[in-house]
């Protein structure tokens, strides 16, 4: 199904909660979403179910999930499933297309299997850009069609360096040409204050947007995957 139709269903559809997702630190609900004869499964994370964190503003995690989707789409990476802000049975939150996936697969198995090197490099660069503080191996899904999907971006975009990831395989390598071109295109859009810049300004605060621009400039100027900084660099558990 085309992404635009998926977004229409997620934005306008009727939500019905089916189940609570296990092993989630925040309130995460599996839903059905029905609209104009179409029916999808979605993941609904209401703001009121977010666990408070000491270093992220309270009640903002759902907005960061949507911002991650917008950045992925702006770059042309297509990593994050379609995600919107929605009112639901438990109030405002984010609603994301549920990805049916191979439950035995994750980042480590995909790295070992081969064939995913290009998209995983994109994911690694994306995580640096959005300052992902929680890239576990299990936060990358192998769809039933074999496509890699990245989920769980609630703790991204902090203005301080927070990168914690299991993807340190490419440290010092040059960024792929296509990634650099995508970054340059996104910088041009932000400089032009287009619709992307305006939508991100509604989801993130000014300090976070300035930090995003700095990270984007650094990645373009340095042209390589960075090394870990000081402090914890790998999330726990890794999967």
C-alpha atoms as a PDB file:
ATOM      1  CA  UNK A   1       0.000   0.000   0.000  1.00  0.00           C
ATOM      2  CA  UNK A   2       1.248   3.491  -0.836  1.00  0.00           C
ATOM      3  CA  UNK A   3       2.588   5.514   2.079  1.00  0.00           C
ATOM      4  CA  UNK A   4       0.087   8.317   1.447  1.00  0.00           C
ATOM      5  CA  UNK A   5      -2.836   5.912   1.853  1.00  0.00           C
ATOM      6  CA  UNK A   6      -1.316   4.463   5.012  1.00  0.00           C
ATOM      7  CA  UNK A   7      -0.965   7.983   6.436  1.00  0.00           C
ATOM      8  CA  UNK A   8      -4.613   8.716   5.565  1.00  0.00           C
ATOM      9  CA  UNK A   9      -5.756   5.623   7.459  1.00  0.00           C
ATOM     10  CA  UNK A  10      -3.548   6.394  10.460  1.00  0.00           C
ATOM     11  CA  UNK A  11      -4.657  10.035  10.545  1.00  0.00           C
ATOM     12  CA  UNK A  12      -8.391   9.608   9.972  1.00  0.00           C
ATOM     13  CA  UNK A  13      -9.183   6.005  10.884  1.00  0.00           C
ATOM     14  CA  UNK A  14     -11.174   4.666  13.797  1.00  0.00           C
ATOM     15  CA  UNK A  15      -8.922   3.187  16.484  1.00  0.00           C
ATOM     16  CA  UNK A  16      -9.720   0.038  18.420  1.00  0.00           C
ATOM     17  CA  UNK A  17      -7.285  -1.190  21.066  1.00  0.00           C
ATOM     18  CA  UNK A  18      -6.565  -4.907  20.713  1.00  0.00           C
ATOM     19  CA  UNK A  19      -3.754  -5.636  23.177  1.00  0.00           C
ATOM     20  CA  UNK A  20      -0.905  -4.247  25.224  1.00  0.00           C
ATOM     21  CA  UNK A  21       2.531  -4.953  23.771  1.00  0.00           C
ATOM     22  CA  UNK A  22       4.813  -6.924  26.121  1.00  0.00           C
ATOM     23  CA  UNK A  23       8.266  -5.818  27.323  1.00  0.00           C
ATOM     24  CA  UNK A  24       7.581  -2.107  26.718  1.00  0.00           C
ATOM     25  CA  UNK A  25       8.825   0.509  29.166  1.00  0.00           C
ATOM     26  CA  UNK A  26       6.060   2.903  28.062  1.00  0.00           C
ATOM     27  CA  UNK A  27       2.387   2.223  27.478  1.00  0.00           C
ATOM     28  CA  UNK A  28       2.371   0.606  24.016  1.00  0.00           C
ATOM     29  CA  UNK A  29      -0.862  -0.660  22.502  1.00  0.00           C
ATOM     30  CA  UNK A  30      -1.616  -2.744  19.444  1.00  0.00           C
ATOM     31  CA  UNK A  31      -4.609  -1.294  17.632  1.00  0.00           C
ATOM     32  CA  UNK A  32      -6.683  -1.819  14.544  1.00  0.00           C
ATOM     33  CA  UNK A  33      -7.265   1.291  12.432  1.00  0.00           C
ATOM     34  CA  UNK A  34     -10.154   1.361   9.944  1.00  0.00           C
ATOM     35  CA  UNK A  35     -10.892   3.997   7.314  1.00  0.00           C
ATOM     36  CA  UNK A  36     -12.547   4.089   3.878  1.00  0.00           C
ATOM     37  CA  UNK A  37     -12.734   0.329   3.608  1.00  0.00           C
ATOM     38  CA  UNK A  38      -9.112  -0.179   4.663  1.00  0.00           C
ATOM     39  CA  UNK A  39      -7.982  -1.823   7.889  1.00  0.00           C
ATOM     40  CA  UNK A  40      -4.453  -1.720   9.300  1.00  0.00           C
ATOM     41  CA  UNK A  41      -2.666  -2.675  12.480  1.00  0.00           C
ATOM     42  CA  UNK A  42      -1.052   0.191  14.342  1.00  0.00           C
ATOM     43  CA  UNK A  43       1.065   0.866  17.407  1.00  0.00           C
ATOM     44  CA  UNK A  44      -0.432   3.544  19.632  1.00  0.00           C
ATOM     45  CA  UNK A  45       1.726   5.171  22.326  1.00  0.00           C
ATOM     46  CA  UNK A  46      -0.291   7.719  24.307  1.00  0.00           C
ATOM     47  CA  UNK A  47       1.453  10.641  25.964  1.00  0.00           C
ATOM     48  CA  UNK A  48      -0.115   9.804  29.305  1.00  0.00           C
ATOM     49  CA  UNK A  49       1.564   6.392  29.277  1.00  0.00           C
ATOM     50  CA  UNK A  50       5.113   7.746  28.885  1.00  0.00           C
ATOM     51  CA  UNK A  51       7.477   6.901  31.726  1.00  0.00           C
ATOM     52  CA  UNK A  52       9.114  10.117  33.019  1.00  0.00           C
ATOM     53  CA  UNK A  53      12.834  10.431  32.263  1.00  0.00           C
ATOM     54  CA  UNK A  54      15.231  12.689  34.113  1.00  0.00           C
ATOM     55  CA  UNK A  55      16.931  14.005  30.972  1.00  0.00           C
ATOM     56  CA  UNK A  56      14.053  14.380  28.494  1.00  0.00           C
ATOM     57  CA  UNK A  57      11.169  16.844  28.882  1.00  0.00           C
ATOM     58  CA  UNK A  58       8.098  15.086  30.199  1.00  0.00           C
ATOM     59  CA  UNK A  59       5.378  14.224  27.717  1.00  0.00           C
ATOM     60  CA  UNK A  60       7.455  14.711  24.558  1.00  0.00           C
ATOM     61  CA  UNK A  61       8.408  11.173  23.563  1.00  0.00           C
ATOM     62  CA  UNK A  62       5.514  10.718  21.141  1.00  0.00           C
ATOM     63  CA  UNK A  63       6.523  13.913  19.331  1.00  0.00           C
ATOM     64  CA  UNK A  64      10.086  12.624  18.919  1.00  0.00           C
ATOM     65  CA  UNK A  65       8.754   9.441  17.312  1.00  0.00           C
ATOM     66  CA  UNK A  66       6.950  11.545  14.698  1.00  0.00           C
ATOM     67  CA  UNK A  67      10.015  13.781  14.184  1.00  0.00           C
ATOM     68  CA  UNK A  68      12.138  10.677  13.506  1.00  0.00           C
ATOM     69  CA  UNK A  69       9.682   9.577  10.824  1.00  0.00           C
ATOM     70  CA  UNK A  70       9.757  13.025   9.196  1.00  0.00           C
ATOM     71  CA  UNK A  71      13.577  13.063   9.119  1.00  0.00           C
ATOM     72  CA  UNK A  72      13.762   9.533   7.690  1.00  0.00           C
ATOM     73  CA  UNK A  73      11.334  10.503   4.937  1.00  0.00           C
ATOM     74  CA  UNK A  74      13.079  13.822   4.249  1.00  0.00           C
ATOM     75  CA  UNK A  75      16.329  11.940   3.731  1.00  0.00           C
ATOM     76  CA  UNK A  76      14.645   9.423   1.451  1.00  0.00           C
ATOM     77  CA  UNK A  77      15.789   6.570   3.700  1.00  0.00           C
ATOM     78  CA  UNK A  78      12.368   5.038   4.348  1.00  0.00           C
ATOM     79  CA  UNK A  79      13.550   3.494   7.608  1.00  0.00           C
ATOM     80  CA  UNK A  80      10.763   4.468  10.014  1.00  0.00           C
ATOM     81  CA  UNK A  81       7.219   3.159   9.529  1.00  0.00           C
ATOM     82  CA  UNK A  82       4.575   5.812   8.787  1.00  0.00           C
ATOM     83  CA  UNK A  83       3.894   7.674  12.045  1.00  0.00           C
ATOM     84  CA  UNK A  84       1.409  10.400  12.966  1.00  0.00           C
ATOM     85  CA  UNK A  85       0.087  12.244  16.007  1.00  0.00           C
ATOM     86  CA  UNK A  86      -3.401  11.076  16.928  1.00  0.00           C
ATOM     87  CA  UNK A  87      -5.993  11.374  19.619  1.00  0.00           C
ATOM     88  CA  UNK A  88      -6.953   7.914  20.795  1.00  0.00           C
ATOM     89  CA  UNK A  89      -8.766   6.150  23.610  1.00  0.00           C
ATOM     90  CA  UNK A  90      -6.106   7.299  26.098  1.00  0.00           C
ATOM     91  CA  UNK A  91      -5.561  10.771  24.701  1.00  0.00           C
ATOM     92  CA  UNK A  92      -3.040  12.276  22.327  1.00  0.00           C
ATOM     93  CA  UNK A  93      -0.065  10.196  21.310  1.00  0.00           C
ATOM     94  CA  UNK A  94       1.688   8.730  18.347  1.00  0.00           C
ATOM     95  CA  UNK A  95       0.236   6.121  15.995  1.00  0.00           C
ATOM     96  CA  UNK A  96       2.593   4.078  13.839  1.00  0.00           C
ATOM     97  CA  UNK A  97       1.993   1.392  11.251  1.00  0.00           C
ATOM     98  CA  UNK A  98       2.583  -2.027  12.821  1.00  0.00           C
ATOM     99  CA  UNK A  99       5.219  -3.989  10.935  1.00  0.00           C
ATOM    100  CA  UNK A 100       4.650  -7.711  10.661  1.00  0.00           C
ATOM    101  CA  UNK A 101       8.121  -9.140  11.062  1.00  0.00           C
ATOM    102  CA  UNK A 102      10.357 -12.144  11.489  1.00  0.00           C
ATOM    103  CA  UNK A 103      10.544 -12.328  15.271  1.00  0.00           C
ATOM    104  CA  UNK A 104      13.803 -14.296  15.172  1.00  0.00           C
ATOM    105  CA  UNK A 105      15.630 -11.497  13.340  1.00  0.00           C
ATOM    106  CA  UNK A 106      17.242  -8.285  14.583  1.00  0.00           C
ATOM    107  CA  UNK A 107      20.226  -6.069  13.722  1.00  0.00           C
ATOM    108  CA  UNK A 108      22.827  -8.654  14.709  1.00  0.00           C
ATOM    109  CA  UNK A 109      21.273 -11.455  12.659  1.00  0.00           C
ATOM    110  CA  UNK A 110      20.854  -9.138   9.664  1.00  0.00           C
ATOM    111  CA  UNK A 111      24.487  -8.030   9.890  1.00  0.00           C
ATOM    112  CA  UNK A 112      25.592 -11.665  10.035  1.00  0.00           C
ATOM    113  CA  UNK A 113      23.331 -12.791   7.185  1.00  0.00           C
ATOM    114  CA  UNK A 114      24.638 -10.162   4.776  1.00  0.00           C
ATOM    115  CA  UNK A 115      22.721  -8.226   2.176  1.00  0.00           C
ATOM    116  CA  UNK A 116      21.778  -5.452   4.586  1.00  0.00           C
ATOM    117  CA  UNK A 117      25.060  -3.534   4.689  1.00  0.00           C
ATOM    118  CA  UNK A 118      23.797  -0.593   2.627  1.00  0.00           C
ATOM    119  CA  UNK A 119      20.612  -0.012   4.616  1.00  0.00           C
ATOM    120  CA  UNK A 120      22.347  -0.580   7.956  1.00  0.00           C
ATOM    121  CA  UNK A 121      24.899   2.102   7.069  1.00  0.00           C
ATOM    122  CA  UNK A 122      21.971   4.406   6.360  1.00  0.00           C
ATOM    123  CA  UNK A 123      20.473   3.491   9.719  1.00  0.00           C
ATOM    124  CA  UNK A 124      23.770   4.135  11.480  1.00  0.00           C
ATOM    125  CA  UNK A 125      24.070   7.595   9.904  1.00  0.00           C
ATOM    126  CA  UNK A 126      20.417   8.330  10.697  1.00  0.00           C
ATOM    127  CA  UNK A 127      20.948   7.449  14.355  1.00  0.00           C
ATOM    128  CA  UNK A 128      23.909   9.811  14.603  1.00  0.00           C
ATOM    129  CA  UNK A 129      21.863  12.604  13.058  1.00  0.00           C
ATOM    130  CA  UNK A 130      18.833  12.170  15.329  1.00  0.00           C
ATOM    131  CA  UNK A 131      21.056  11.509  18.361  1.00  0.00           C
ATOM    132  CA  UNK A 132      19.387   8.193  19.129  1.00  0.00           C
ATOM    133  CA  UNK A 133      19.891   7.287  22.779  1.00  0.00           C
ATOM    134  CA  UNK A 134      18.539   3.742  22.465  1.00  0.00           C
ATOM    135  CA  UNK A 135      19.389   1.822  19.286  1.00  0.00           C
ATOM    136  CA  UNK A 136      19.071  -1.734  20.509  1.00  0.00           C
ATOM    137  CA  UNK A 137      19.407  -4.644  18.112  1.00  0.00           C
ATOM    138  CA  UNK A 138      15.737  -5.431  18.564  1.00  0.00           C
ATOM    139  CA  UNK A 139      14.725  -1.929  17.498  1.00  0.00           C
ATOM    140  CA  UNK A 140      15.361  -2.905  13.889  1.00  0.00           C
ATOM    141  CA  UNK A 141      12.771  -5.263  12.441  1.00  0.00           C
ATOM    142  CA  UNK A 142      13.022  -7.546   9.445  1.00  0.00           C
ATOM    143  CA  UNK A 143       9.663  -7.246   7.720  1.00  0.00           C
ATOM    144  CA  UNK A 144       8.087 -10.332   6.247  1.00  0.00           C
ATOM    145  CA  UNK A 145       9.124  -8.932   2.856  1.00  0.00           C
ATOM    146  CA  UNK A 146      12.750  -8.779   4.046  1.00  0.00           C
ATOM    147  CA  UNK A 147      12.822  -5.004   4.410  1.00  0.00           C
ATOM    148  CA  UNK A 148      14.551  -3.433   7.424  1.00  0.00           C
ATOM    149  CA  UNK A 149      12.399  -1.137   9.553  1.00  0.00           C
ATOM    150  CA  UNK A 150      13.597   0.992  12.482  1.00  0.00           C
ATOM    151  CA  UNK A 151      11.315   1.585  15.474  1.00  0.00           C
ATOM    152  CA  UNK A 152      11.317   3.122  18.982  1.00  0.00           C
ATOM    153  CA  UNK A 153      12.596   6.667  18.545  1.00  0.00           C
ATOM    154  CA  UNK A 154      11.105   8.245  21.651  1.00  0.00           C
ATOM    155  CA  UNK A 155      14.451   9.236  23.120  1.00  0.00           C
ATOM    156  CA  UNK A 156      16.054  10.987  20.186  1.00  0.00           C
ATOM    157  CA  UNK A 157      16.881  14.626  19.366  1.00  0.00           C
ATOM    158  CA  UNK A 158      18.288  15.661  22.756  1.00  0.00           C
ATOM    159  CA  UNK A 159      20.438  18.791  22.473  1.00  0.00           C
ATOM    160  CA  UNK A 160      23.235  17.087  24.435  1.00  0.00           C
ATOM    161  CA  UNK A 161      25.204  14.144  22.937  1.00  0.00           C
ATOM    162  CA  UNK A 162      23.263  11.029  23.901  1.00  0.00           C
ATOM    163  CA  UNK A 163      24.123   8.529  21.166  1.00  0.00           C
ATOM    164  CA  UNK A 164      23.831   4.990  22.494  1.00  0.00           C
ATOM    165  CA  UNK A 165      23.775   2.293  19.865  1.00  0.00           C
ATOM    166  CA  UNK A 166      24.892  -1.236  19.062  1.00  0.00           C
ATOM    167  CA  UNK A 167      26.017   0.016  15.621  1.00  0.00           C
ATOM    168  CA  UNK A 168      29.683   0.938  16.012  1.00  0.00           C
ATOM    169  CA  UNK A 169      30.832  -1.278  13.134  1.00  0.00           C
ATOM    170  CA  UNK A 170      31.608   1.579  10.745  1.00  0.00           C
ATOM    171  CA  UNK A 171      33.612   3.998  12.907  1.00  0.00           C
ATOM    172  CA  UNK A 172      35.975   6.088  10.760  1.00  0.00           C
ATOM    173  CA  UNK A 173      34.523   4.886   7.459  1.00  0.00           C
ATOM    174  CA  UNK A 174      33.497   7.500   4.916  1.00  0.00           C
ATOM    175  CA  UNK A 175      29.794   8.127   4.681  1.00  0.00           C
ATOM    176  CA  UNK A 176      28.250   6.607   1.553  1.00  0.00           C
ATOM    177  CA  UNK A 177      27.883   9.172  -1.230  1.00  0.00           C
ATOM    178  CA  UNK A 178      24.101   8.757  -1.204  1.00  0.00           C
ATOM    179  CA  UNK A 179      23.980   9.502   2.541  1.00  0.00           C
ATOM    180  CA  UNK A 180      26.033  12.676   2.179  1.00  0.00           C
ATOM    181  CA  UNK A 181      23.806  13.810  -0.688  1.00  0.00           C
ATOM    182  CA  UNK A 182      20.710  13.177   1.438  1.00  0.00           C
ATOM    183  CA  UNK A 183      22.195  15.163   4.317  1.00  0.00           C
ATOM    184  CA  UNK A 184      22.997  18.075   2.006  1.00  0.00           C
ATOM    185  CA  UNK A 185      19.459  18.026   0.659  1.00  0.00           C
ATOM    186  CA  UNK A 186      18.011  18.097   4.144  1.00  0.00           C
ATOM    187  CA  UNK A 187      20.277  20.986   5.162  1.00  0.00           C
ATOM    188  CA  UNK A 188      19.030  22.970   2.172  1.00  0.00           C
ATOM    189  CA  UNK A 189      15.443  22.353   3.242  1.00  0.00           C
ATOM    190  CA  UNK A 190      16.101  23.460   6.797  1.00  0.00           C
ATOM    191  CA  UNK A 191      17.924  26.559   5.562  1.00  0.00           C
ATOM    192  CA  UNK A 192      14.933  27.392   3.368  1.00  0.00           C
ATOM    193  CA  UNK A 193      12.586  26.995   6.348  1.00  0.00           C
ATOM    194  CA  UNK A 194      10.282  24.822   4.274  1.00  0.00           C
ATOM    195  CA  UNK A 195       7.462  22.586   5.498  1.00  0.00           C
ATOM    196  CA  UNK A 196       9.922  20.091   7.021  1.00  0.00           C
ATOM    197  CA  UNK A 197      11.574  22.810   9.115  1.00  0.00           C
ATOM    198  CA  UNK A 198       8.194  24.108  10.235  1.00  0.00           C
ATOM    199  CA  UNK A 199       6.890  20.667  11.217  1.00  0.00           C
ATOM    200  CA  UNK A 200      10.054  19.874  13.172  1.00  0.00           C
ATOM    201  CA  UNK A 201       9.750  23.243  14.943  1.00  0.00           C
ATOM    202  CA  UNK A 202       6.330  22.148  16.201  1.00  0.00           C
ATOM    203  CA  UNK A 203       7.709  18.855  17.543  1.00  0.00           C
ATOM    204  CA  UNK A 204      11.098  19.852  18.998  1.00  0.00           C
ATOM    205  CA  UNK A 205      12.275  22.849  20.985  1.00  0.00           C
ATOM    206  CA  UNK A 206      14.684  25.480  19.676  1.00  0.00           C
ATOM    207  CA  UNK A 207      17.768  24.057  21.408  1.00  0.00           C
ATOM    208  CA  UNK A 208      17.050  20.618  19.949  1.00  0.00           C
ATOM    209  CA  UNK A 209      16.626  22.035  16.451  1.00  0.00           C
ATOM    210  CA  UNK A 210      19.903  23.950  16.733  1.00  0.00           C
ATOM    211  CA  UNK A 211      21.648  20.766  17.868  1.00  0.00           C
ATOM    212  CA  UNK A 212      20.130  18.852  14.937  1.00  0.00           C
ATOM    213  CA  UNK A 213      21.529  21.441  12.539  1.00  0.00           C
ATOM    214  CA  UNK A 214      24.964  21.204  14.218  1.00  0.00           C
ATOM    215  CA  UNK A 215      25.025  17.429  13.919  1.00  0.00           C
ATOM    216  CA  UNK A 216      23.973  17.680  10.280  1.00  0.00           C
ATOM    217  CA  UNK A 217      26.758  20.167   9.537  1.00  0.00           C
ATOM    218  CA  UNK A 218      29.351  18.033  11.346  1.00  0.00           C
ATOM    219  CA  UNK A 219      28.375  14.890   9.452  1.00  0.00           C
ATOM    220  CA  UNK A 220      28.588  16.712   6.112  1.00  0.00           C
ATOM    221  CA  UNK A 221      31.872  18.441   6.951  1.00  0.00           C
ATOM    222  CA  UNK A 222      33.596  15.386   8.452  1.00  0.00           C
ATOM    223  CA  UNK A 223      32.164  12.950   5.931  1.00  0.00           C
ATOM    224  CA  UNK A 224      32.603   9.882   8.120  1.00  0.00           C
ATOM    225  CA  UNK A 225      30.965   7.805  10.808  1.00  0.00           C
ATOM    226  CA  UNK A 226      32.013   9.184  14.210  1.00  0.00           C
ATOM    227  CA  UNK A 227      33.727   7.351  17.042  1.00  0.00           C
ATOM    228  CA  UNK A 228      32.007   6.884  20.405  1.00  0.00           C
ATOM    229  CA  UNK A 229      32.178   9.844  22.752  1.00  0.00           C
ATOM    230  CA  UNK A 230      32.686   9.771  26.516  1.00  0.00           C
ATOM    231  CA  UNK A 231      30.123   8.085  28.702  1.00  0.00           C
ATOM    232  CA  UNK A 232      27.890   5.049  28.058  1.00  0.00           C
ATOM    233  CA  UNK A 233      27.746   4.348  24.339  1.00  0.00           C
ATOM    234  CA  UNK A 234      25.801   1.068  24.146  1.00  0.00           C
ATOM    235  CA  UNK A 235      22.224   0.585  25.392  1.00  0.00           C
ATOM    236  CA  UNK A 236      21.300  -2.209  27.762  1.00  0.00           C
ATOM    237  CA  UNK A 237      20.147  -4.781  27.039  1.00  0.00           C
ATOM    238  CA  UNK A 238      21.769  -4.767  23.573  1.00  0.00           C
ATOM    239  CA  UNK A 239      18.781  -6.606  22.052  1.00  0.00           C
END
